[in-house]
Structures are given as C-alpha cells and as structure tokens.
Amino acid sequence: MSVEVDARRLLSDEEIAAALEDLPGWERQAEKLCATFNFSDFSEAFGFMSRVALVSERLFHHPEWSNVWSTVDIAITNHAAGGLTELDLEFARRVSKL
C-alpha cells in the first residue's frame, strides 16, 4: 500500500502547528515530530514497535526510535527533504491510531 502525499514539499510552521492540534502526544522538536509512548511492560512496548515497523514499511518512511523497558520514544523527519513534510504527518497519524 502506498501513500499519496507530497513527501518533498516542506511544511510551513503554520501547517505543522495546525496538524499538531489533531495529534495529541506529538510535539515539534526542531525539524522532527516526536512522541513518547508508555506501556505496562516490555512485551507490550515491543508489540507496539512491531506494529510501527509495519507502518514504516508501508510508507517507506522510517523513524528514529528507542525503547527502554515499557517506554518507546519516536522521532520522525524527512531527511531527503530537509525537514517536515506531509509524509511525517501521515506517519504520526497512523502511529497514533495504533
């Protein structure tokens, strides 16, 4: 499944701020969208990471992330475009639905 978004056009500060209003838990840190997800234990966190990996592969857009026991930190940006694009927002939307 491919996604039909413009992965090359950088978003304006206003577009990013407006999109973040509909993405609870996500915040902008410089040119990345970041979120922290907390789970009851490592197994639950790892299961979430597996589902995020499937989203990443479908979008062909891969995050920077880390896991410490029950916590998963995710940061996403479009390195090829040099900042945030609609593809980053689509990634965050899909991950938030998990």
Protein backbone atom coordinates (compact mmCIF):
# COMPACT_ATOMS: atom_id res chain seq x y z
CA MET A 1 0.00 0.00 0.00
CA SER A 2 1.44 3.35 -0.95
CA VAL A 3 0.53 6.75 0.38
CA GLU A 4 -0.33 9.64 -1.90
CA VAL A 5 1.30 12.63 -0.20
CA ASP A 6 3.85 15.17 -1.29
CA ALA A 7 6.94 13.93 0.50
CA ARG A 8 9.12 16.66 -0.98
CA ARG A 9 7.37 19.91 -0.04
CA LEU A 10 8.44 21.24 3.33
CA LEU A 11 5.56 22.26 5.57
CA SER A 12 5.27 25.78 6.93
CA ASP A 13 5.39 26.45 10.66
CA GLU A 14 1.66 27.23 10.50
CA GLU A 15 0.83 23.93 8.75
CA ILE A 16 2.83 21.98 11.33
CA ALA A 17 1.20 23.79 14.27
CA ALA A 18 -2.28 23.20 12.83
CA ALA A 19 -1.60 19.50 12.25
CA LEU A 20 -0.24 19.02 15.77
CA GLU A 21 -3.58 20.19 17.18
CA ASP A 22 -5.02 16.90 15.88
CA LEU A 23 -2.06 14.77 17.02
CA PRO A 24 -2.19 14.57 20.83
CA GLY A 25 1.09 13.46 22.34
CA TRP A 26 3.18 14.61 19.38
CA GLU A 27 5.32 17.73 19.50
CA ARG A 28 7.73 19.51 17.27
CA GLN A 29 11.37 19.48 18.31
CA ALA A 30 13.36 21.47 15.75
CA GLU A 31 12.71 19.70 12.43
CA LYS A 32 11.30 16.49 13.91
CA LEU A 33 7.95 15.29 15.18
CA CYS A 34 8.42 13.48 18.49
CA ALA A 35 6.26 11.40 20.81
CA THR A 36 6.71 9.14 23.82
CA PHE A 37 4.52 6.10 24.33
CA ASN A 38 4.28 4.31 27.69
CA PHE A 39 3.09 0.73 28.15
CA SER A 40 2.60 -1.66 31.04
CA ASP A 41 5.70 -3.73 30.28
CA PHE A 42 8.40 -4.53 27.75
CA SER A 43 6.31 -7.06 25.84
CA GLU A 44 3.54 -4.53 25.21
CA ALA A 45 6.08 -1.88 24.14
CA PHE A 46 7.80 -4.31 21.80
CA GLY A 47 4.47 -5.33 20.26
CA PHE A 48 3.75 -1.65 19.58
CA MET A 49 7.16 -1.27 17.95
CA SER A 50 6.39 -4.22 15.68
CA ARG A 51 3.18 -2.54 14.54
CA VAL A 52 5.03 0.76 13.99
CA ALA A 53 7.59 -1.11 11.89
CA LEU A 54 4.78 -2.29 9.59
CA VAL A 55 3.52 1.30 9.22
CA SER A 56 7.07 2.41 8.44
CA GLU A 57 7.48 -0.20 5.74
CA ARG A 58 4.13 0.63 4.13
CA LEU A 59 5.05 4.31 3.98
CA PHE A 60 8.72 3.62 3.24
CA HIS A 61 9.44 6.19 5.94
CA HIS A 62 11.42 5.11 8.98
CA PRO A 63 11.69 6.80 12.39
CA GLU A 64 14.48 7.34 14.83
CA TRP A 65 13.33 5.50 17.90
CA SER A 66 14.36 3.91 21.15
CA ASN A 67 12.89 1.54 23.68
CA VAL A 68 13.67 1.29 27.37
CA TRP A 69 11.56 -1.39 29.03
CA SER A 70 7.99 0.00 28.79
CA THR A 71 8.72 3.30 27.02
CA VAL A 72 9.07 3.93 23.29
CA ASP A 73 10.37 7.28 22.03
CA ILE A 74 9.81 8.13 18.37
CA ALA A 75 11.17 10.97 16.24
CA ILE A 76 10.38 11.37 12.55
CA THR A 77 11.59 13.77 9.87
CA ASN A 78 12.12 13.70 6.15
CA HIS A 79 15.90 13.75 5.76
CA ALA A 80 15.70 13.81 1.96
CA ALA A 81 13.51 16.94 2.01
CA GLY A 82 15.46 18.56 4.86
CA GLY A 83 12.60 18.90 7.33
CA LEU A 84 8.96 18.09 7.94
CA THR A 85 6.62 17.09 5.12
CA GLU A 86 3.13 15.64 4.82
CA LEU A 87 4.73 12.18 4.95
CA ASP A 88 5.85 12.83 8.53
CA LEU A 89 2.32 13.87 9.48
CA GLU A 90 0.86 10.78 7.82
CA PHE A 91 3.33 8.59 9.75
CA ALA A 92 2.32 10.28 13.05
CA ARG A 93 -1.39 9.90 12.25
CA ARG A 94 -1.04 6.20 11.54
CA VAL A 95 1.10 5.53 14.60
CA SER A 96 -1.37 7.42 16.78
CA LYS A 97 -4.16 5.11 15.59
CA LEU A 98 -2.25 2.06 16.83
